[in-house]
Amino acid sequence: MTNSGNNPWNGILTATATPFKSDLSIDYDKYAEHVQWLAANGTHGVIPNGSLGEYQVLTAEERARMVEVAVAAAPKGFHVVPGVGAYGAGESVRWTEQAAENGAAAVMLLPPNAYRANDDEVVAHYKEVAKVGIPIIAYNNPFDTKVDLTPALVGRIANEVPGVVAIKEFSGDVRRIWQIKKSAPRIDVIVGADDVLLELSTAGISGWIAGFPNALPAESAALYNAAIAGDYKTAAPMYAALHDLFHWDSQKEFIQAIKLAMDLLGRYGGPTRLPRLPLPAADQEKIKREVAAVKEYFGK
């Protein structure tokens, strides 16, 4: 399916899970098939090597190949926007160059995450990576990075780093979209957590970087399309049916939860690499109940 907007960061970009085999090597054939399946089921692009893709535990060779496989598998009009987060700007620059060389349309960039960087350091980080010349989606994840891209800081980035075109907002504070639109009006705001989609859509959004489309792309697309059209009579009951499951996207166990949902819904999720272990039995049973409720609602 072609992109729903004029830019490669518009529409639904699925932050893809990395399919590990039982021996924890990557099944690249399965990943290529997954990219094509997402394209055929209503989404607009993929983000390999994001947090959901467990980029921190991939080797350099694996990380590079994930981008290459995604680009090769993507049909025309379906965008690949790799995650290029790293401890420092030098490494992020190298991953951004690799993405550009392989034909990626844009990249998603966390702040430096080796320690709690100050505002000047965050701006310098984005300036350095922007020199590569490919559009950048800034990624605000204060829980993992301990660096908060506040609306004021986003405004500064917007003024000083033209290459940053959008922000994935993952703070969970639905009030921030209004503040970002005021402090950084040229920056596109992208929903960064599945369980705030409907709330943020009321302020006008440019996209959704999502986790659960890995398991439910068509249902997620139907929800997104209704939400951005302002058809809340249609969107609200779908969102209510999905929200318990979507809430896992904001939990630290989100990778295991999404992979389990994939397995339950007939997609290959598979295991995670250490340090992540399988979910406790009680959490697995909860997700099974939530998936069953979603299947009943959508008649799956």
C-alpha atoms as a PDB file:
ATOM      1  CA  MET A   1       0.000   0.000   0.000  1.00  0.00           C
ATOM      2  CA  THR A   2       1.309   3.473  -0.764  1.00  0.00           C
ATOM      3  CA  ASN A   3       2.034   6.061   1.896  1.00  0.00           C
ATOM      4  CA  SER A   4      -0.934   8.016   3.249  1.00  0.00           C
ATOM      5  CA  GLY A   5       0.893  11.369   3.189  1.00  0.00           C
ATOM      6  CA  ASN A   6       3.431  13.318   1.214  1.00  0.00           C
ATOM      7  CA  ASN A   7       6.409  12.381   3.370  1.00  0.00           C
ATOM      8  CA  PRO A   8       7.977   9.043   4.290  1.00  0.00           C
ATOM      9  CA  TRP A   9       7.281   9.646   7.986  1.00  0.00           C
ATOM     10  CA  ASN A  10       3.520  10.034   7.442  1.00  0.00           C
ATOM     11  CA  GLY A  11       1.034   7.240   8.040  1.00  0.00           C
ATOM     12  CA  ILE A  12       1.586   4.054  10.030  1.00  0.00           C
ATOM     13  CA  LEU A  13       5.223   3.068  10.423  1.00  0.00           C
ATOM     14  CA  THR A  14       5.485  -0.283  12.176  1.00  0.00           C
ATOM     15  CA  ALA A  15       8.441  -0.574  14.520  1.00  0.00           C
ATOM     16  CA  THR A  16       9.179  -4.136  13.555  1.00  0.00           C
ATOM     17  CA  ALA A  17      10.069  -6.996  15.859  1.00  0.00           C
ATOM     18  CA  THR A  18      13.202  -8.941  14.948  1.00  0.00           C
ATOM     19  CA  PRO A  19      12.385 -12.616  14.250  1.00  0.00           C
ATOM     20  CA  PHE A  20      14.892 -14.747  16.124  1.00  0.00           C
ATOM     21  CA  LYS A  21      15.055 -18.463  15.494  1.00  0.00           C
ATOM     22  CA  SER A  22      15.153 -20.931  18.365  1.00  0.00           C
ATOM     23  CA  ASP A  23      18.955 -20.626  18.379  1.00  0.00           C
ATOM     24  CA  LEU A  24      18.523 -16.805  18.539  1.00  0.00           C
ATOM     25  CA  SER A  25      19.995 -16.174  15.097  1.00  0.00           C
ATOM     26  CA  ILE A  26      17.906 -13.872  12.890  1.00  0.00           C
ATOM     27  CA  ASP A  27      15.550 -15.351  10.311  1.00  0.00           C
ATOM     28  CA  TYR A  28      16.018 -12.782   7.536  1.00  0.00           C
ATOM     29  CA  ASP A  29      13.666 -14.593   5.149  1.00  0.00           C
ATOM     30  CA  LYS A  30      10.911 -14.403   7.734  1.00  0.00           C
ATOM     31  CA  TYR A  31      11.659 -10.716   8.265  1.00  0.00           C
ATOM     32  CA  ALA A  32      11.408  -9.980   4.532  1.00  0.00           C
ATOM     33  CA  GLU A  33       8.071 -11.780   4.381  1.00  0.00           C
ATOM     34  CA  HIS A  34       6.864  -9.784   7.389  1.00  0.00           C
ATOM     35  CA  VAL A  35       7.730  -6.476   5.709  1.00  0.00           C
ATOM     36  CA  GLN A  36       5.763  -7.499   2.627  1.00  0.00           C
ATOM     37  CA  TRP A  37       2.811  -8.664   4.749  1.00  0.00           C
ATOM     38  CA  LEU A  38       2.689  -5.337   6.569  1.00  0.00           C
ATOM     39  CA  ALA A  39       2.722  -3.524   3.236  1.00  0.00           C
ATOM     40  CA  ALA A  40      -0.166  -5.660   1.996  1.00  0.00           C
ATOM     41  CA  ASN A  41      -2.267  -5.061   5.094  1.00  0.00           C
ATOM     42  CA  GLY A  42      -2.731  -1.336   5.272  1.00  0.00           C
ATOM     43  CA  THR A  43       0.436   0.087   6.815  1.00  0.00           C
ATOM     44  CA  HIS A  44       2.827   2.518   5.163  1.00  0.00           C
ATOM     45  CA  GLY A  45       6.353   1.674   6.257  1.00  0.00           C
ATOM     46  CA  VAL A  46       8.614  -0.095   8.704  1.00  0.00           C
ATOM     47  CA  ILE A  47      11.241   0.875  11.229  1.00  0.00           C
ATOM     48  CA  PRO A  48      13.920  -1.806  11.612  1.00  0.00           C
ATOM     49  CA  ASN A  49      16.375  -1.499  14.493  1.00  0.00           C
ATOM     50  CA  GLY A  50      14.085   0.412  16.809  1.00  0.00           C
ATOM     51  CA  SER A  51      13.601  -0.395  20.474  1.00  0.00           C
ATOM     52  CA  LEU A  52      11.060  -3.084  19.575  1.00  0.00           C
ATOM     53  CA  GLY A  53      13.625  -4.575  17.196  1.00  0.00           C
ATOM     54  CA  GLU A  54      16.048  -5.097  20.113  1.00  0.00           C
ATOM     55  CA  TYR A  55      18.721  -3.078  18.339  1.00  0.00           C
ATOM     56  CA  GLN A  56      20.868  -2.971  21.470  1.00  0.00           C
ATOM     57  CA  VAL A  57      21.535  -6.720  21.282  1.00  0.00           C
ATOM     58  CA  LEU A  58      22.188  -6.970  17.544  1.00  0.00           C
ATOM     59  CA  THR A  59      25.697  -7.178  16.156  1.00  0.00           C
ATOM     60  CA  ALA A  60      26.818  -4.521  13.691  1.00  0.00           C
ATOM     61  CA  GLU A  61      26.517  -7.033  10.870  1.00  0.00           C
ATOM     62  CA  GLU A  62      22.992  -8.007  11.911  1.00  0.00           C
ATOM     63  CA  ARG A  63      21.892  -4.421  12.278  1.00  0.00           C
ATOM     64  CA  ALA A  64      23.168  -3.510   8.820  1.00  0.00           C
ATOM     65  CA  ARG A  65      21.545  -6.529   7.218  1.00  0.00           C
ATOM     66  CA  MET A  66      18.156  -5.776   8.808  1.00  0.00           C
ATOM     67  CA  VAL A  67      18.122  -2.485   6.899  1.00  0.00           C
ATOM     68  CA  GLU A  68      19.253  -4.125   3.676  1.00  0.00           C
ATOM     69  CA  VAL A  69      16.578  -6.842   3.919  1.00  0.00           C
ATOM     70  CA  ALA A  70      13.826  -4.337   4.721  1.00  0.00           C
ATOM     71  CA  VAL A  71      14.694  -2.097   1.774  1.00  0.00           C
ATOM     72  CA  ALA A  72      14.912  -5.053  -0.616  1.00  0.00           C
ATOM     73  CA  ALA A  73      11.559  -6.430   0.543  1.00  0.00           C
ATOM     74  CA  ALA A  74       9.642  -3.139   0.575  1.00  0.00           C
ATOM     75  CA  PRO A  75       7.320  -2.621  -2.401  1.00  0.00           C
ATOM     76  CA  LYS A  76       7.226   0.705  -4.208  1.00  0.00           C
ATOM     77  CA  GLY A  77       5.779   3.453  -2.027  1.00  0.00           C
ATOM     78  CA  PHE A  78       6.384   1.537   1.206  1.00  0.00           C
ATOM     79  CA  HIS A  79       9.015   3.310   3.276  1.00  0.00           C
ATOM     80  CA  VAL A  80      11.892   2.005   5.391  1.00  0.00           C
ATOM     81  CA  VAL A  81      12.929   4.345   8.210  1.00  0.00           C
ATOM     82  CA  PRO A  82      15.683   2.675  10.254  1.00  0.00           C
ATOM     83  CA  GLY A  83      16.338   3.405  13.880  1.00  0.00           C
ATOM     84  CA  VAL A  84      19.841   4.856  14.255  1.00  0.00           C
ATOM     85  CA  GLY A  85      19.989   5.286  18.026  1.00  0.00           C
ATOM     86  CA  ALA A  86      23.398   4.801  19.664  1.00  0.00           C
ATOM     87  CA  TYR A  87      25.501   5.860  22.621  1.00  0.00           C
ATOM     88  CA  GLY A  88      27.056   8.727  20.703  1.00  0.00           C
ATOM     89  CA  ALA A  89      26.702  10.841  17.577  1.00  0.00           C
ATOM     90  CA  GLY A  90      29.607   9.173  15.783  1.00  0.00           C
ATOM     91  CA  GLU A  91      27.928   5.781  15.804  1.00  0.00           C
ATOM     92  CA  SER A  92      24.547   7.289  14.920  1.00  0.00           C
ATOM     93  CA  VAL A  93      26.179   9.059  11.972  1.00  0.00           C
ATOM     94  CA  ARG A  94      27.561   5.752  10.688  1.00  0.00           C
ATOM     95  CA  TRP A  95      24.148   4.067  10.934  1.00  0.00           C
ATOM     96  CA  THR A  96      22.502   7.043   9.243  1.00  0.00           C
ATOM     97  CA  GLU A  97      25.006   6.874   6.401  1.00  0.00           C
ATOM     98  CA  GLN A  98      24.341   3.146   6.060  1.00  0.00           C
ATOM     99  CA  ALA A  99      20.603   3.790   5.921  1.00  0.00           C
ATOM    100  CA  ALA A 100      21.002   6.458   3.250  1.00  0.00           C
ATOM    101  CA  GLU A 101      23.364   4.315   1.184  1.00  0.00           C
ATOM    102  CA  ASN A 102      20.787   1.521   1.166  1.00  0.00           C
ATOM    103  CA  GLY A 103      17.938   3.717   0.025  1.00  0.00           C
ATOM    104  CA  ALA A 104      16.117   4.396   3.291  1.00  0.00           C
ATOM    105  CA  ALA A 105      13.731   7.333   3.138  1.00  0.00           C
ATOM    106  CA  ALA A 106      14.476   8.809   6.572  1.00  0.00           C
ATOM    107  CA  VAL A 107      15.818   7.716   9.961  1.00  0.00           C
ATOM    108  CA  MET A 108      14.587   7.717  13.549  1.00  0.00           C
ATOM    109  CA  LEU A 109      17.085   9.076  16.077  1.00  0.00           C
ATOM    110  CA  LEU A 110      17.080   8.919  19.866  1.00  0.00           C
ATOM    111  CA  PRO A 111      19.025  11.482  21.874  1.00  0.00           C
ATOM    112  CA  PRO A 112      22.472  10.265  22.980  1.00  0.00           C
ATOM    113  CA  ASN A 113      21.717   7.531  25.503  1.00  0.00           C
ATOM    114  CA  ALA A 114      25.008   6.783  27.235  1.00  0.00           C
ATOM    115  CA  TYR A 115      24.084   9.185  30.037  1.00  0.00           C
ATOM    116  CA  ARG A 116      21.708  12.027  30.865  1.00  0.00           C
ATOM    117  CA  ALA A 117      22.774  14.580  28.254  1.00  0.00           C
ATOM    118  CA  ASN A 118      21.957  18.253  28.751  1.00  0.00           C
ATOM    119  CA  ASP A 119      20.077  20.369  26.227  1.00  0.00           C
ATOM    120  CA  ASP A 120      23.202  21.703  24.498  1.00  0.00           C
ATOM    121  CA  GLU A 121      24.525  18.154  24.081  1.00  0.00           C
ATOM    122  CA  VAL A 122      21.209  16.913  22.710  1.00  0.00           C
ATOM    123  CA  VAL A 123      21.105  19.705  20.124  1.00  0.00           C
ATOM    124  CA  ALA A 124      24.735  19.052  19.168  1.00  0.00           C
ATOM    125  CA  HIS A 125      23.914  15.350  18.737  1.00  0.00           C
ATOM    126  CA  TYR A 126      21.084  16.073  16.313  1.00  0.00           C
ATOM    127  CA  LYS A 127      23.160  18.669  14.441  1.00  0.00           C
ATOM    128  CA  GLU A 128      25.966  16.168  13.895  1.00  0.00           C
ATOM    129  CA  VAL A 129      23.714  13.414  12.560  1.00  0.00           C
ATOM    130  CA  ALA A 130      21.770  15.876  10.407  1.00  0.00           C
ATOM    131  CA  LYS A 131      24.970  16.551   8.432  1.00  0.00           C
ATOM    132  CA  VAL A 132      24.372  13.244   6.631  1.00  0.00           C
ATOM    133  CA  GLY A 133      21.482  14.927   4.848  1.00  0.00           C
ATOM    134  CA  ILE A 134      18.636  12.457   5.340  1.00  0.00           C
ATOM    135  CA  PRO A 135      15.406  13.509   7.135  1.00  0.00           C
ATOM    136  CA  ILE A 136      15.385  12.719  10.853  1.00  0.00           C
ATOM    137  CA  ILE A 137      12.516  11.779  13.136  1.00  0.00           C
ATOM    138  CA  ALA A 138      13.566  12.702  16.669  1.00  0.00           C
ATOM    139  CA  TYR A 139      12.478  10.053  19.166  1.00  0.00           C
ATOM    140  CA  ASN A 140      11.468  11.133  22.653  1.00  0.00           C
ATOM    141  CA  ASN A 141      11.692   8.183  25.040  1.00  0.00           C
ATOM    142  CA  PRO A 142      12.568   9.653  28.440  1.00  0.00           C
ATOM    143  CA  PHE A 143      12.014   6.325  30.184  1.00  0.00           C
ATOM    144  CA  ASP A 144      14.824   4.495  28.398  1.00  0.00           C
ATOM    145  CA  THR A 145      17.198   7.371  27.633  1.00  0.00           C
ATOM    146  CA  LYS A 146      16.627   9.505  30.773  1.00  0.00           C
ATOM    147  CA  VAL A 147      16.655  12.461  28.359  1.00  0.00           C
ATOM    148  CA  ASP A 148      13.340  14.217  27.888  1.00  0.00           C
ATOM    149  CA  LEU A 149      12.749  16.077  24.638  1.00  0.00           C
ATOM    150  CA  THR A 150      10.449  18.622  26.251  1.00  0.00           C
ATOM    151  CA  PRO A 151       8.324  20.886  24.061  1.00  0.00           C
ATOM    152  CA  ALA A 152      10.782  23.718  24.717  1.00  0.00           C
ATOM    153  CA  LEU A 153      13.736  21.559  23.659  1.00  0.00           C
ATOM    154  CA  VAL A 154      11.846  20.359  20.573  1.00  0.00           C
ATOM    155  CA  GLY A 155      11.314  24.009  19.717  1.00  0.00           C
ATOM    156  CA  ARG A 156      15.041  24.637  19.977  1.00  0.00           C
ATOM    157  CA  ILE A 157      15.820  21.607  17.803  1.00  0.00           C
ATOM    158  CA  ALA A 158      13.288  22.814  15.244  1.00  0.00           C
ATOM    159  CA  ASN A 159      15.000  26.207  15.097  1.00  0.00           C
ATOM    160  CA  GLU A 160      18.590  24.950  15.020  1.00  0.00           C
ATOM    161  CA  VAL A 161      18.432  21.625  13.137  1.00  0.00           C
ATOM    162  CA  PRO A 162      16.424  21.868   9.896  1.00  0.00           C
ATOM    163  CA  GLY A 163      17.076  18.200   9.160  1.00  0.00           C
ATOM    164  CA  VAL A 164      14.833  17.144  12.044  1.00  0.00           C
ATOM    165  CA  VAL A 165      11.406  16.988  10.443  1.00  0.00           C
ATOM    166  CA  ALA A 166       9.262  15.178  13.004  1.00  0.00           C
ATOM    167  CA  ILE A 167       9.150  13.819  16.530  1.00  0.00           C
ATOM    168  CA  LYS A 168       7.996  10.465  17.795  1.00  0.00           C
ATOM    169  CA  GLU A 169       6.333  11.475  21.064  1.00  0.00           C
ATOM    170  CA  PHE A 170       6.496   8.695  23.649  1.00  0.00           C
ATOM    171  CA  SER A 171       6.214  10.566  26.945  1.00  0.00           C
ATOM    172  CA  GLY A 172       2.610   9.427  27.421  1.00  0.00           C
ATOM    173  CA  ASP A 173       1.575  12.990  28.268  1.00  0.00           C
ATOM    174  CA  VAL A 174      -1.194  13.728  25.782  1.00  0.00           C
ATOM    175  CA  ARG A 175      -1.021  17.451  26.593  1.00  0.00           C
ATOM    176  CA  ARG A 176       2.369  17.753  24.971  1.00  0.00           C
ATOM    177  CA  ILE A 177       1.135  17.675  21.405  1.00  0.00           C
ATOM    178  CA  TRP A 178      -0.471  21.065  21.908  1.00  0.00           C
ATOM    179  CA  GLN A 179       2.712  22.438  23.464  1.00  0.00           C
ATOM    180  CA  ILE A 180       4.907  21.053  20.670  1.00  0.00           C
ATOM    181  CA  LYS A 181       2.634  22.499  18.019  1.00  0.00           C
ATOM    182  CA  LYS A 182       3.087  25.898  19.671  1.00  0.00           C
ATOM    183  CA  SER A 183       6.842  25.725  20.311  1.00  0.00           C
ATOM    184  CA  ALA A 184       7.782  23.882  17.092  1.00  0.00           C
ATOM    185  CA  PRO A 185       5.018  24.413  14.524  1.00  0.00           C
ATOM    186  CA  ARG A 186       7.073  23.099  11.597  1.00  0.00           C
ATOM    187  CA  ILE A 187       7.745  19.749  13.314  1.00  0.00           C
ATOM    188  CA  ASP A 188       5.350  16.905  12.506  1.00  0.00           C
ATOM    189  CA  VAL A 189       4.102  15.124  15.618  1.00  0.00           C
ATOM    190  CA  ILE A 190       3.977  11.344  15.349  1.00  0.00           C
ATOM    191  CA  VAL A 191       2.178   9.174  17.884  1.00  0.00           C
ATOM    192  CA  GLY A 192       4.844   7.132  19.640  1.00  0.00           C
ATOM    193  CA  ALA A 193       2.811   4.835  21.890  1.00  0.00           C
ATOM    194  CA  ASP A 194      -0.108   2.688  20.824  1.00  0.00           C
ATOM    195  CA  ASP A 195      -2.295   3.491  23.845  1.00  0.00           C
ATOM    196  CA  VAL A 196      -2.484   7.259  23.221  1.00  0.00           C
ATOM    197  CA  LEU A 197      -3.365   7.176  19.516  1.00  0.00           C
ATOM    198  CA  LEU A 198      -6.937   8.367  19.804  1.00  0.00           C
ATOM    199  CA  GLU A 199      -6.150  11.080  22.334  1.00  0.00           C
ATOM    200  CA  LEU A 200      -3.344  12.570  20.242  1.00  0.00           C
ATOM    201  CA  SER A 201      -5.350  12.319  17.035  1.00  0.00           C
ATOM    202  CA  THR A 202      -7.731  14.967  18.353  1.00  0.00           C
ATOM    203  CA  ALA A 203      -4.943  17.550  18.018  1.00  0.00           C
ATOM    204  CA  GLY A 204      -3.905  16.504  14.534  1.00  0.00           C
ATOM    205  CA  ILE A 205      -1.096  14.026  13.942  1.00  0.00           C
ATOM    206  CA  SER A 206       1.196  13.254  11.022  1.00  0.00           C
ATOM    207  CA  GLY A 207       1.744   9.570  11.659  1.00  0.00           C
ATOM    208  CA  TRP A 208       1.898   6.690  14.088  1.00  0.00           C
ATOM    209  CA  ILE A 209       5.057   4.728  14.905  1.00  0.00           C
ATOM    210  CA  ALA A 210       3.383   1.653  16.256  1.00  0.00           C
ATOM    211  CA  GLY A 211       4.103  -1.733  17.782  1.00  0.00           C
ATOM    212  CA  PHE A 212       0.922  -3.781  17.592  1.00  0.00           C
ATOM    213  CA  PRO A 213       0.517  -3.580  13.813  1.00  0.00           C
ATOM    214  CA  ASN A 214       3.149  -6.337  13.913  1.00  0.00           C
ATOM    215  CA  ALA A 215       0.219  -8.521  14.991  1.00  0.00           C
ATOM    216  CA  LEU A 216      -2.842  -6.534  13.878  1.00  0.00           C
ATOM    217  CA  PRO A 217      -1.992  -4.373  10.856  1.00  0.00           C
ATOM    218  CA  ALA A 218      -5.399  -4.271   9.174  1.00  0.00           C
ATOM    219  CA  GLU A 219      -7.236  -3.564  12.428  1.00  0.00           C
ATOM    220  CA  SER A 220      -4.687  -0.898  13.377  1.00  0.00           C
ATOM    221  CA  ALA A 221      -5.021   0.701   9.946  1.00  0.00           C
ATOM    222  CA  ALA A 222      -8.809   0.814  10.228  1.00  0.00           C
ATOM    223  CA  LEU A 223      -8.484   2.512  13.614  1.00  0.00           C
ATOM    224  CA  TYR A 224      -5.862   4.984  12.405  1.00  0.00           C
ATOM    225  CA  ASN A 225      -7.799   5.927   9.290  1.00  0.00           C
ATOM    226  CA  ALA A 226     -10.968   6.569  11.280  1.00  0.00           C
ATOM    227  CA  ALA A 227      -9.078   8.584  13.886  1.00  0.00           C
ATOM    228  CA  ILE A 228      -7.292  10.887  11.451  1.00  0.00           C
ATOM    229  CA  ALA A 229     -10.576  11.403   9.607  1.00  0.00           C
ATOM    230  CA  GLY A 230     -12.183  12.543  12.860  1.00  0.00           C
ATOM    231  CA  ASP A 231     -14.656   9.654  12.668  1.00  0.00           C
ATOM    232  CA  TYR A 232     -14.636   8.960  16.385  1.00  0.00           C
ATOM    233  CA  LYS A 233     -17.986   7.196  16.243  1.00  0.00           C
ATOM    234  CA  THR A 234     -16.147   4.457  14.341  1.00  0.00           C
ATOM    235  CA  ALA A 235     -12.750   4.819  16.019  1.00  0.00           C
ATOM    236  CA  ALA A 236     -13.791   4.907  19.679  1.00  0.00           C
ATOM    237  CA  PRO A 237     -15.286   1.398  19.949  1.00  0.00           C
ATOM    238  CA  MET A 238     -12.345  -0.095  18.027  1.00  0.00           C
ATOM    239  CA  TYR A 239      -9.913   1.714  20.310  1.00  0.00           C
ATOM    240  CA  ALA A 240     -11.781   0.492  23.375  1.00  0.00           C
ATOM    241  CA  ALA A 241     -11.553  -3.082  22.114  1.00  0.00           C
ATOM    242  CA  LEU A 242      -7.819  -2.773  21.449  1.00  0.00           C
ATOM    243  CA  HIS A 243      -6.732  -0.568  24.323  1.00  0.00           C
ATOM    244  CA  ASP A 244      -5.951  -3.199  26.965  1.00  0.00           C
ATOM    245  CA  LEU A 245      -3.661  -4.912  24.489  1.00  0.00           C
ATOM    246  CA  PHE A 246      -2.225  -1.626  23.204  1.00  0.00           C
ATOM    247  CA  HIS A 247      -1.331  -0.616  26.770  1.00  0.00           C
ATOM    248  CA  TRP A 248       1.472  -3.188  26.738  1.00  0.00           C
ATOM    249  CA  ASP A 249       3.278  -0.959  24.233  1.00  0.00           C
ATOM    250  CA  SER A 250       3.931   1.479  27.101  1.00  0.00           C
ATOM    251  CA  GLN A 251       5.280  -1.169  29.483  1.00  0.00           C
ATOM    252  CA  LYS A 252       8.895  -2.292  29.836  1.00  0.00           C
ATOM    253  CA  GLU A 253       7.800  -5.780  28.746  1.00  0.00           C
ATOM    254  CA  PHE A 254       6.432  -4.450  25.453  1.00  0.00           C
ATOM    255  CA  ILE A 255       8.708  -6.556  23.247  1.00  0.00           C
ATOM    256  CA  GLN A 256       7.749  -9.866  24.826  1.00  0.00           C
ATOM    257  CA  ALA A 257       4.083  -8.820  24.877  1.00  0.00           C
ATOM    258  CA  ILE A 258       3.956  -7.870  21.210  1.00  0.00           C
ATOM    259  CA  LYS A 259       5.844 -10.987  20.145  1.00  0.00           C
ATOM    260  CA  LEU A 260       3.448 -13.154  22.164  1.00  0.00           C
ATOM    261  CA  ALA A 261       0.461 -11.420  20.567  1.00  0.00           C
ATOM    262  CA  MET A 262       1.979 -12.101  17.160  1.00  0.00           C
ATOM    263  CA  ASP A 263       2.328 -15.788  17.975  1.00  0.00           C
ATOM    264  CA  LEU A 264      -1.263 -15.952  19.243  1.00  0.00           C
ATOM    265  CA  LEU A 265      -2.568 -14.281  16.097  1.00  0.00           C
ATOM    266  CA  GLY A 266      -0.751 -16.529  13.645  1.00  0.00           C
ATOM    267  CA  ARG A 267       2.325 -14.370  12.973  1.00  0.00           C
ATOM    268  CA  TYR A 268       5.796 -15.420  14.023  1.00  0.00           C
ATOM    269  CA  GLY A 269       6.906 -13.454  17.077  1.00  0.00           C
ATOM    270  CA  GLY A 270       9.429 -15.847  18.521  1.00  0.00           C
ATOM    271  CA  PRO A 271      11.845 -15.438  21.399  1.00  0.00           C
ATOM    272  CA  THR A 272      13.769 -12.418  22.649  1.00  0.00           C
ATOM    273  CA  ARG A 273      17.472 -12.218  23.337  1.00  0.00           C
ATOM    274  CA  LEU A 274      18.865 -11.745  26.808  1.00  0.00           C
ATOM    275  CA  PRO A 275      18.539  -9.781  28.984  1.00  0.00           C
ATOM    276  CA  ARG A 276      14.842 -10.151  28.169  1.00  0.00           C
ATOM    277  CA  LEU A 277      13.232 -13.366  29.374  1.00  0.00           C
ATOM    278  CA  PRO A 278       9.771 -14.746  28.588  1.00  0.00           C
ATOM    279  CA  LEU A 279       6.908 -13.089  30.426  1.00  0.00           C
ATOM    280  CA  PRO A 280       5.720 -14.561  33.721  1.00  0.00           C
ATOM    281  CA  ALA A 281       2.821 -16.985  33.371  1.00  0.00           C
ATOM    282  CA  ALA A 282       0.310 -14.506  34.816  1.00  0.00           C
ATOM    283  CA  ASP A 283       1.209 -11.880  32.202  1.00  0.00           C
ATOM    284  CA  GLN A 284       1.039 -14.443  29.423  1.00  0.00           C
ATOM    285  CA  GLU A 285      -2.451 -15.465  30.514  1.00  0.00           C
ATOM    286  CA  LYS A 286      -3.538 -11.817  30.650  1.00  0.00           C
ATOM    287  CA  ILE A 287      -2.336 -11.229  27.093  1.00  0.00           C
ATOM    288  CA  LYS A 288      -4.060 -14.397  25.924  1.00  0.00           C
ATOM    289  CA  ARG A 289      -7.357 -13.101  27.349  1.00  0.00           C
ATOM    290  CA  GLU A 290      -6.837  -9.690  25.748  1.00  0.00           C
ATOM    291  CA  VAL A 291      -6.001 -11.203  22.366  1.00  0.00           C
ATOM    292  CA  ALA A 292      -9.068 -13.438  22.599  1.00  0.00           C
ATOM    293  CA  ALA A 293     -11.240 -10.384  23.282  1.00  0.00           C
ATOM    294  CA  VAL A 294      -9.762  -8.568  20.257  1.00  0.00           C
ATOM    295  CA  LYS A 295     -10.322 -11.607  18.044  1.00  0.00           C
ATOM    296  CA  GLU A 296     -13.941 -11.792  19.185  1.00  0.00           C
ATOM    297  CA  TYR A 297     -14.523  -8.081  18.526  1.00  0.00           C
ATOM    298  CA  PHE A 298     -13.048  -8.198  15.021  1.00  0.00           C
ATOM    299  CA  GLY A 299     -14.466 -11.623  14.201  1.00  0.00           C
ATOM    300  CA  LYS A 300     -11.042 -13.194  13.669  1.00  0.00           C
END
